[in-house]
Amino acid sequence: MNKSLAKAKGFKKSKAGMYFSLATTLFGAVGVSKQMKQARSEEDKLRLLDSAISAAALATSVALLIRQIRQYNDDDVLAD
C-alpha cells in the first residue's frame, strides 16, 4: 500500500474526516428534504419512496457517525 493511500484511509477515522462526513450528511439531509417536499407537492409516489429510502440511508449514516464520535471520545487519552 502506498503512502498516500494509507493517509486517505486514516483520514476517515480522523477528527477532520469525522467533521467532513458530518457536513456531507447535513447537505444530504437538505437534499432529501427538498426531494420529499417536491414529491409531495407533485404527488409522485415513486419519488416519495426514493426520498424515504434516502432518508433511511441518512439515518444510518448519522447513527454510524454518532458511534464513531463516541468511540473517538472513549479513546481520547486527555478526556480522563
N, C-alpha and C. Protein backbone atom coordinates (compact mmCIF):
# COMPACT_ATOMS: atom_id res chain seq x y z
N MET A 1 0.87 -1.17 0.00
CA MET A 1 0.00 0.00 0.00
C MET A 1 0.92 1.23 0.00
N ASN A 2 0.62 2.16 -0.90
CA ASN A 2 1.47 3.35 -0.94
C ASN A 2 1.08 4.34 0.15
N LYS A 3 1.93 5.33 0.34
CA LYS A 3 1.81 6.26 1.45
C LYS A 3 0.54 7.11 1.39
N SER A 4 0.19 7.60 0.20
CA SER A 4 -0.99 8.47 0.08
C SER A 4 -2.28 7.70 0.31
N LEU A 5 -2.31 6.44 -0.09
CA LEU A 5 -3.50 5.62 0.15
C LEU A 5 -3.67 5.35 1.64
N ALA A 6 -2.58 5.13 2.33
CA ALA A 6 -2.65 4.92 3.78
C ALA A 6 -3.13 6.18 4.48
N LYS A 7 -2.69 7.35 4.00
CA LYS A 7 -3.14 8.62 4.56
C LYS A 7 -4.64 8.81 4.36
N ALA A 8 -5.12 8.47 3.17
CA ALA A 8 -6.53 8.63 2.86
C ALA A 8 -7.38 7.71 3.73
N LYS A 9 -6.92 6.51 3.98
CA LYS A 9 -7.67 5.59 4.84
C LYS A 9 -7.67 6.08 6.28
N GLY A 10 -6.59 6.71 6.71
CA GLY A 10 -6.52 7.24 8.06
C GLY A 10 -7.38 8.48 8.23
N PHE A 11 -7.63 9.22 7.15
CA PHE A 11 -8.43 10.44 7.22
C PHE A 11 -9.85 10.15 7.64
N LYS A 12 -10.38 9.01 7.21
CA LYS A 12 -11.76 8.65 7.53
C LYS A 12 -11.97 8.55 9.03
N LYS A 13 -10.97 8.10 9.76
CA LYS A 13 -11.10 7.92 11.20
C LYS A 13 -10.55 9.10 11.99
N SER A 14 -10.11 10.14 11.30
CA SER A 14 -9.59 11.31 11.99
C SER A 14 -10.71 12.25 12.38
N LYS A 15 -10.37 13.23 13.21
CA LYS A 15 -11.37 14.20 13.64
C LYS A 15 -11.84 15.04 12.45
N ALA A 16 -10.92 15.41 11.57
CA ALA A 16 -11.28 16.19 10.38
C ALA A 16 -12.18 15.37 9.46
N GLY A 17 -11.89 14.09 9.31
CA GLY A 17 -12.72 13.22 8.50
C GLY A 17 -14.11 13.07 9.07
N MET A 18 -14.19 13.06 10.39
CA MET A 18 -15.49 12.95 11.05
C MET A 18 -16.32 14.20 10.78
N TYR A 19 -15.70 15.37 10.87
CA TYR A 19 -16.42 16.62 10.61
C TYR A 19 -16.83 16.72 9.14
N PHE A 20 -15.97 16.26 8.24
CA PHE A 20 -16.28 16.26 6.81
C PHE A 20 -17.48 15.35 6.53
N SER A 21 -17.48 14.20 7.16
CA SER A 21 -18.59 13.27 6.99
C SER A 21 -19.89 13.85 7.54
N LEU A 22 -19.79 14.55 8.66
CA LEU A 22 -20.96 15.19 9.25
C LEU A 22 -21.52 16.27 8.32
N ALA A 23 -20.62 17.05 7.72
CA ALA A 23 -21.06 18.11 6.80
C ALA A 23 -21.73 17.53 5.56
N THR A 24 -21.17 16.47 5.01
CA THR A 24 -21.79 15.87 3.82
C THR A 24 -23.14 15.25 4.16
N THR A 25 -23.27 14.72 5.37
CA THR A 25 -24.55 14.16 5.79
C THR A 25 -25.59 15.26 5.91
N LEU A 26 -25.19 16.41 6.44
CA LEU A 26 -26.12 17.53 6.56
C LEU A 26 -26.57 18.03 5.18
N PHE A 27 -25.63 18.12 4.24
CA PHE A 27 -26.01 18.51 2.88
C PHE A 27 -26.96 17.49 2.26
N GLY A 28 -26.71 16.22 2.53
CA GLY A 28 -27.61 15.17 2.03
C GLY A 28 -29.00 15.29 2.62
N ALA A 29 -29.07 15.66 3.91
CA ALA A 29 -30.38 15.81 4.55
C ALA A 29 -31.16 16.96 3.92
N VAL A 30 -30.48 18.03 3.57
CA VAL A 30 -31.15 19.15 2.91
C VAL A 30 -31.70 18.71 1.56
N GLY A 31 -30.90 17.97 0.81
CA GLY A 31 -31.34 17.48 -0.49
C GLY A 31 -32.53 16.54 -0.40
N VAL A 32 -32.49 15.65 0.59
CA VAL A 32 -33.60 14.70 0.76
C VAL A 32 -34.87 15.43 1.16
N SER A 33 -34.76 16.43 2.02
CA SER A 33 -35.96 17.16 2.43
C SER A 33 -36.57 17.92 1.25
N LYS A 34 -35.72 18.49 0.39
CA LYS A 34 -36.24 19.16 -0.81
C LYS A 34 -36.91 18.17 -1.74
N GLN A 35 -36.29 17.00 -1.89
CA GLN A 35 -36.85 15.97 -2.76
C GLN A 35 -38.20 15.49 -2.23
N MET A 36 -38.30 15.33 -0.91
CA MET A 36 -39.57 14.90 -0.31
C MET A 36 -40.66 15.95 -0.50
N LYS A 37 -40.29 17.20 -0.29
CA LYS A 37 -41.25 18.28 -0.44
C LYS A 37 -41.78 18.35 -1.87
N GLN A 38 -40.87 18.22 -2.84
CA GLN A 38 -41.27 18.27 -4.24
C GLN A 38 -42.14 17.06 -4.60
N ALA A 39 -41.77 15.89 -4.10
CA ALA A 39 -42.55 14.68 -4.39
C ALA A 39 -43.96 14.77 -3.81
N ARG A 40 -44.07 15.37 -2.62
CA ARG A 40 -45.40 15.53 -2.03
C ARG A 40 -46.25 16.51 -2.82
N SER A 41 -45.63 17.61 -3.26
CA SER A 41 -46.41 18.61 -4.00
C SER A 41 -46.85 18.08 -5.36
N GLU A 42 -46.03 17.23 -5.98
CA GLU A 42 -46.38 16.66 -7.27
C GLU A 42 -47.15 15.34 -7.13
N GLU A 43 -47.30 14.87 -5.90
CA GLU A 43 -47.95 13.59 -5.61
C GLU A 43 -47.32 12.44 -6.39
N ASP A 44 -46.01 12.46 -6.45
CA ASP A 44 -45.24 11.43 -7.14
C ASP A 44 -44.81 10.37 -6.13
N LYS A 45 -45.47 9.22 -6.16
CA LYS A 45 -45.22 8.19 -5.16
C LYS A 45 -43.85 7.54 -5.31
N LEU A 46 -43.38 7.42 -6.54
CA LEU A 46 -42.07 6.80 -6.75
C LEU A 46 -40.96 7.70 -6.20
N ARG A 47 -41.04 8.99 -6.44
CA ARG A 47 -40.04 9.93 -5.88
C ARG A 47 -40.14 9.98 -4.37
N LEU A 48 -41.34 9.89 -3.85
CA LEU A 48 -41.53 9.90 -2.40
C LEU A 48 -40.89 8.65 -1.78
N LEU A 49 -41.05 7.52 -2.43
CA LEU A 49 -40.42 6.28 -1.96
C LEU A 49 -38.90 6.40 -2.03
N ASP A 50 -38.40 6.97 -3.12
CA ASP A 50 -36.95 7.16 -3.27
C ASP A 50 -36.40 8.06 -2.17
N SER A 51 -37.11 9.13 -1.87
CA SER A 51 -36.63 10.04 -0.83
C SER A 51 -36.72 9.41 0.55
N ALA A 52 -37.71 8.55 0.77
CA ALA A 52 -37.82 7.86 2.05
C ALA A 52 -36.66 6.87 2.24
N ILE A 53 -36.29 6.20 1.17
CA ILE A 53 -35.14 5.28 1.23
C ILE A 53 -33.85 6.06 1.45
N SER A 54 -33.73 7.20 0.80
CA SER A 54 -32.55 8.05 1.00
C SER A 54 -32.50 8.57 2.43
N ALA A 55 -33.65 8.90 3.00
CA ALA A 55 -33.70 9.35 4.38
C ALA A 55 -33.27 8.24 5.34
N ALA A 56 -33.65 7.01 5.03
CA ALA A 56 -33.22 5.88 5.86
C ALA A 56 -31.70 5.70 5.78
N ALA A 57 -31.14 5.88 4.60
CA ALA A 57 -29.68 5.79 4.46
C ALA A 57 -28.99 6.90 5.25
N LEU A 58 -29.57 8.09 5.25
CA LEU A 58 -29.00 9.19 6.03
C LEU A 58 -29.10 8.90 7.52
N ALA A 59 -30.19 8.32 7.95
CA ALA A 59 -30.34 7.97 9.37
C ALA A 59 -29.28 6.96 9.79
N THR A 60 -28.98 6.02 8.91
CA THR A 60 -27.93 5.04 9.18
C THR A 60 -26.57 5.73 9.26
N SER A 61 -26.32 6.68 8.36
CA SER A 61 -25.06 7.43 8.38
C SER A 61 -24.91 8.20 9.67
N VAL A 62 -25.98 8.82 10.13
CA VAL A 62 -25.94 9.58 11.38
C VAL A 62 -25.66 8.64 12.55
N ALA A 63 -26.29 7.47 12.56
CA ALA A 63 -26.05 6.51 13.64
C ALA A 63 -24.59 6.05 13.65
N LEU A 64 -24.03 5.82 12.48
CA LEU A 64 -22.62 5.43 12.40
C LEU A 64 -21.70 6.55 12.86
N LEU A 65 -22.04 7.79 12.50
CA LEU A 65 -21.24 8.93 12.95
C LEU A 65 -21.29 9.08 14.46
N ILE A 66 -22.47 8.92 15.04
CA ILE A 66 -22.59 9.03 16.50
C ILE A 66 -21.75 7.96 17.17
N ARG A 67 -21.79 6.74 16.64
CA ARG A 67 -20.97 5.68 17.21
C ARG A 67 -19.49 6.01 17.10
N GLN A 68 -19.08 6.56 15.96
CA GLN A 68 -17.68 6.92 15.76
C GLN A 68 -17.26 8.04 16.71
N ILE A 69 -18.14 9.01 16.92
CA ILE A 69 -17.83 10.11 17.84
C ILE A 69 -17.68 9.57 19.26
N ARG A 70 -18.56 8.67 19.66
CA ARG A 70 -18.46 8.08 21.00
C ARG A 70 -17.18 7.29 21.16
N GLN A 71 -16.80 6.52 20.14
CA GLN A 71 -15.56 5.77 20.21
C GLN A 71 -14.36 6.71 20.24
N TYR A 72 -14.44 7.78 19.49
CA TYR A 72 -13.35 8.75 19.47
C TYR A 72 -13.18 9.37 20.85
N ASN A 73 -14.30 9.71 21.50
CA ASN A 73 -14.24 10.31 22.83
C ASN A 73 -13.77 9.30 23.87
N ASP A 74 -14.11 8.03 23.72
CA ASP A 74 -13.65 6.99 24.65
C ASP A 74 -12.16 6.74 24.51
N ASP A 75 -11.65 6.86 23.29
CA ASP A 75 -10.25 6.62 23.03
C ASP A 75 -9.37 7.82 23.38
N ASP A 76 -9.98 8.97 23.64
CA ASP A 76 -9.23 10.18 23.92
C ASP A 76 -8.54 10.07 25.27
N VAL A 77 -7.23 10.13 25.28
CA VAL A 77 -6.45 9.97 26.50
C VAL A 77 -6.64 11.17 27.42
N LEU A 78 -6.77 12.34 26.86
CA LEU A 78 -6.88 13.55 27.66
C LEU A 78 -8.26 13.73 28.29
N ALA A 79 -9.23 12.94 27.89
CA ALA A 79 -10.59 13.08 28.41
C ALA A 79 -10.68 12.62 29.86
N ASP A 80 -9.79 11.73 30.28
CA ASP A 80 -9.83 11.20 31.66
C ASP A 80 -9.28 12.17 32.65
